Amino acid sequence: MSEYITIARPYAKAVFDLANKNSKSLEEWDSFLSYLSSIVSDSSIVSIIKNRTINYNDKSRMIISFFDNFDTTLDKEISTYFNNFVYVLAYYGRLLCISDVHFVYKQYMNQALGCVDALVKVPCDINSYQKDDIVNSLAKRFDKKVNALFEVEENLLGGFCVKIGDSVLDASIIGNLQSLSSKIML
C-alpha cells in the first residue's frame, strides 16, 4: 500500500456510502474508480497534476474529459457525482490518491457483497478447471465468494500461493519444504 492510504480512506468511505444506496452503482463506482486510477497513473498525467501553475479546475476538467471514452450509459445523477468527486479530489490536491481510494473502496465493496479478492500465484499456466478448483477450495475455506486473479511465478516448483488481503496461504512445494525445514530445526 502507498503512503496515501490514510488520506484515501475517508474518500473511499464516502463513495462507498453513496454507492451502497443503490447496489447497482457499487459496480459502476468500481469501474469508474478503476478507470480513474488508470488515467492518473500515467506519467504525463502525473506531471500535469503535480504542476502548480495549472489550477484545480483545469486539472479536473482535463481528467473528466477522458471520460468521454468511458461507458456513457450512466444515469445523469451518477455522472454528476463522478464529476463532483473528481473536482473535490482536484480542489484538495488528492488526485494522486485515487489508486488508494479505489483499493479501500474495493475492500468496502467486497465486504458488503460477501466476497474477497485473491491473488493466486502458480508456477505455470493452468487450465480453467484447475482455476475453478482453486477458487472453489478458497471459497469453502473463507466462506466467501472469491474473485481470483491468477499470475504465473516461474520460481514456484509446484502448487500455488494465495494472497487475500494481509493473509498468505502458501500451498507451494517451496513453502512446504521451508515449513518442514523449520519444523525439523526445532
Protein backbone atom coordinates (compact mmCIF):
# COMPACT_ATOMS: atom_id res chain seq x y z
CA MET A 1 0.00 0.00 0.00
CA SER A 2 1.11 3.53 -0.53
CA GLU A 3 1.60 6.42 1.82
CA TYR A 4 -1.76 7.86 0.73
CA ILE A 5 -3.92 5.10 2.22
CA THR A 6 -4.83 7.12 5.33
CA ILE A 7 -5.80 10.09 3.19
CA ALA A 8 -7.78 7.83 0.85
CA ARG A 9 -9.89 6.08 3.50
CA PRO A 10 -12.48 8.87 4.13
CA TYR A 11 -12.92 9.46 0.39
CA ALA A 12 -13.43 5.73 -0.20
CA LYS A 13 -15.91 5.52 2.66
CA ALA A 14 -17.90 8.48 1.35
CA VAL A 15 -18.02 6.99 -2.16
CA PHE A 16 -18.98 3.59 -0.78
CA ASP A 17 -21.78 5.06 1.33
CA LEU A 18 -23.09 6.91 -1.70
CA ALA A 19 -22.83 3.86 -3.97
CA ASN A 20 -24.24 1.48 -1.39
CA LYS A 21 -27.61 3.25 -1.51
CA ASN A 22 -28.09 1.51 -4.85
CA SER A 23 -26.32 -1.86 -5.16
CA LYS A 24 -26.18 -1.48 -8.95
CA SER A 25 -23.99 1.59 -8.57
CA LEU A 26 -21.42 -0.34 -6.49
CA GLU A 27 -20.04 -1.87 -9.68
CA GLU A 28 -20.37 1.40 -11.59
CA TRP A 29 -18.30 3.20 -8.99
CA ASP A 30 -15.78 0.36 -9.02
CA SER A 31 -15.42 0.68 -12.79
CA PHE A 32 -15.22 4.46 -12.54
CA LEU A 33 -12.52 4.35 -9.85
CA SER A 34 -10.58 1.72 -11.77
CA TYR A 35 -10.65 3.82 -14.94
CA LEU A 36 -9.77 6.96 -12.99
CA SER A 37 -6.84 5.11 -11.38
CA SER A 38 -5.52 4.09 -14.78
CA ILE A 39 -5.75 7.68 -16.02
CA VAL A 40 -3.98 9.13 -13.00
CA SER A 41 -1.22 6.50 -13.10
CA ASP A 42 0.01 7.75 -16.49
CA SER A 43 3.30 9.63 -16.06
CA SER A 44 2.26 12.55 -18.28
CA ILE A 45 -0.95 12.99 -16.26
CA VAL A 46 1.03 12.81 -13.01
CA SER A 47 3.27 15.63 -14.22
CA ILE A 48 0.19 17.73 -15.04
CA ILE A 49 -1.33 17.00 -11.63
CA LYS A 50 1.91 17.98 -9.90
CA ASN A 51 2.22 21.18 -11.96
CA ARG A 52 1.36 24.00 -9.56
CA THR A 53 0.76 26.51 -12.34
CA ILE A 54 -2.33 24.60 -13.50
CA ASN A 55 -5.36 25.30 -11.31
CA TYR A 56 -7.60 22.57 -9.93
CA ASN A 57 -10.49 23.44 -12.29
CA ASP A 58 -8.32 22.85 -15.34
CA LYS A 59 -6.91 19.63 -13.87
CA SER A 60 -10.35 18.25 -13.08
CA ARG A 61 -11.78 19.29 -16.47
CA MET A 62 -8.85 17.60 -18.20
CA ILE A 63 -9.37 14.36 -16.26
CA ILE A 64 -13.14 14.44 -16.74
CA SER A 65 -12.60 14.86 -20.48
CA PHE A 66 -11.09 11.35 -20.53
CA PHE A 67 -14.48 10.02 -19.51
CA ASP A 68 -15.87 10.76 -22.94
CA ASN A 69 -14.49 7.29 -23.79
CA PHE A 70 -15.97 5.80 -20.61
CA ASP A 71 -19.31 3.95 -20.57
CA THR A 72 -21.87 6.70 -21.23
CA THR A 73 -24.89 4.63 -20.18
CA LEU A 74 -24.64 6.07 -16.68
CA ASP A 75 -27.62 7.97 -15.43
CA LYS A 76 -27.25 11.72 -15.07
CA GLU A 77 -27.20 11.72 -11.25
CA ILE A 78 -24.30 9.24 -11.02
CA SER A 79 -22.42 11.06 -13.76
CA THR A 80 -22.79 14.29 -11.78
CA TYR A 81 -21.45 12.55 -8.66
CA PHE A 82 -18.46 11.27 -10.66
CA ASN A 83 -17.65 14.75 -11.91
CA ASN A 84 -18.06 16.29 -8.45
CA PHE A 85 -15.82 13.61 -6.97
CA VAL A 86 -13.03 14.49 -9.43
CA TYR A 87 -13.46 18.21 -8.67
CA VAL A 88 -13.24 17.59 -4.90
CA LEU A 89 -10.10 15.50 -5.31
CA ALA A 90 -8.54 18.16 -7.52
CA TYR A 91 -9.54 21.00 -5.17
CA TYR A 92 -7.95 19.34 -2.16
CA GLY A 93 -4.90 18.14 -4.13
CA ARG A 94 -5.81 14.47 -3.72
CA LEU A 95 -5.86 13.27 -7.32
CA LEU A 96 -2.71 11.20 -6.78
CA CYS A 97 -4.54 9.28 -4.01
CA ILE A 98 -7.10 7.81 -6.38
CA SER A 99 -5.49 4.35 -6.64
CA ASP A 100 -5.62 4.07 -2.86
CA VAL A 101 -9.21 5.34 -2.81
CA HIS A 102 -10.04 2.58 -5.28
CA PHE A 103 -8.19 -0.02 -3.20
CA VAL A 104 -10.06 0.90 0.00
CA TYR A 105 -13.38 1.22 -1.84
CA LYS A 106 -12.88 -2.28 -3.24
CA GLN A 107 -12.41 -3.60 0.31
CA TYR A 108 -15.66 -1.96 1.44
CA MET A 109 -17.49 -3.25 -1.63
CA ASN A 110 -16.20 -6.80 -1.24
CA GLN A 111 -17.17 -6.84 2.42
CA ALA A 112 -20.69 -5.68 1.55
CA LEU A 113 -21.03 -8.26 -1.22
CA GLY A 114 -19.50 -11.08 0.85
CA CYS A 115 -16.53 -11.70 -1.39
CA VAL A 116 -12.75 -11.36 -1.34
CA ASP A 117 -10.09 -10.64 -3.94
CA ALA A 118 -7.32 -13.20 -4.18
CA LEU A 119 -4.01 -13.09 -5.98
CA VAL A 120 -3.11 -16.68 -6.86
CA LYS A 121 0.45 -17.35 -7.98
CA VAL A 122 1.01 -20.55 -9.92
CA PRO A 123 4.22 -21.98 -11.45
CA CYS A 124 2.81 -22.20 -14.99
CA ASP A 125 -0.36 -21.54 -16.95
CA ILE A 126 -3.19 -23.70 -15.71
CA ASN A 127 -6.47 -24.60 -17.37
CA SER A 128 -9.88 -23.28 -16.38
CA TYR A 129 -10.80 -26.48 -14.50
CA GLN A 130 -7.74 -26.15 -12.27
CA LYS A 131 -8.53 -22.48 -11.70
CA ASP A 132 -12.11 -23.35 -10.78
CA ASP A 133 -10.89 -26.00 -8.32
CA ILE A 134 -8.61 -23.49 -6.61
CA VAL A 135 -11.33 -20.82 -6.48
CA ASN A 136 -13.89 -23.29 -5.12
CA SER A 137 -11.45 -24.50 -2.44
CA LEU A 138 -10.73 -20.92 -1.41
CA ALA A 139 -14.45 -20.09 -1.33
CA LYS A 140 -15.05 -23.03 1.03
CA ARG A 141 -12.09 -22.11 3.22
CA PHE A 142 -13.00 -18.43 3.58
CA ASP A 143 -16.76 -18.95 3.31
CA LYS A 144 -16.98 -16.13 0.77
CA LYS A 145 -17.15 -15.68 -2.96
CA VAL A 146 -13.60 -15.39 -4.33
CA ASN A 147 -12.55 -13.12 -7.18
CA ALA A 148 -9.23 -14.63 -8.21
CA LEU A 149 -6.50 -13.09 -10.31
CA PHE A 150 -4.04 -15.73 -11.48
CA GLU A 151 -0.40 -14.85 -12.00
CA VAL A 152 2.43 -17.07 -13.22
CA GLU A 153 5.50 -17.10 -10.99
CA GLU A 154 8.01 -19.47 -12.52
CA ASN A 155 10.20 -19.86 -9.41
CA LEU A 156 7.43 -21.86 -7.71
CA LEU A 157 8.20 -25.54 -8.23
CA GLY A 158 4.60 -26.64 -7.92
CA GLY A 159 1.42 -25.92 -6.03
CA PHE A 160 0.25 -22.36 -5.60
CA CYS A 161 0.46 -19.37 -3.30
CA VAL A 162 -2.58 -17.22 -2.47
CA LYS A 163 -2.67 -13.69 -1.08
CA ILE A 164 -6.01 -12.42 0.25
CA GLY A 165 -5.70 -9.05 1.95
CA ASP A 166 -2.97 -9.47 4.55
CA SER A 167 -3.28 -13.27 4.63
CA VAL A 168 -0.99 -15.55 2.67
CA LEU A 169 -1.74 -19.21 2.05
CA ASP A 170 1.36 -20.96 0.75
CA ALA A 171 0.47 -24.31 -0.79
CA SER A 172 3.59 -24.41 -2.96
CA ILE A 173 6.30 -27.06 -2.83
CA ILE A 174 8.86 -24.44 -1.79
CA GLY A 175 6.58 -23.24 1.01
CA ASN A 176 6.02 -26.80 2.23
CA LEU A 177 9.76 -27.52 2.16
CA GLN A 178 10.51 -24.34 4.12
CA SER A 179 7.83 -25.22 6.67
CA LEU A 180 9.21 -28.75 7.00
CA SER A 181 12.74 -27.39 7.38
CA SER A 182 11.71 -25.04 10.17
CA LYS A 183 9.89 -27.89 11.97
CA ILE A 184 12.95 -30.16 11.71
CA MET A 185 15.25 -27.44 13.07
CA LEU A 186 13.15 -27.05 16.22
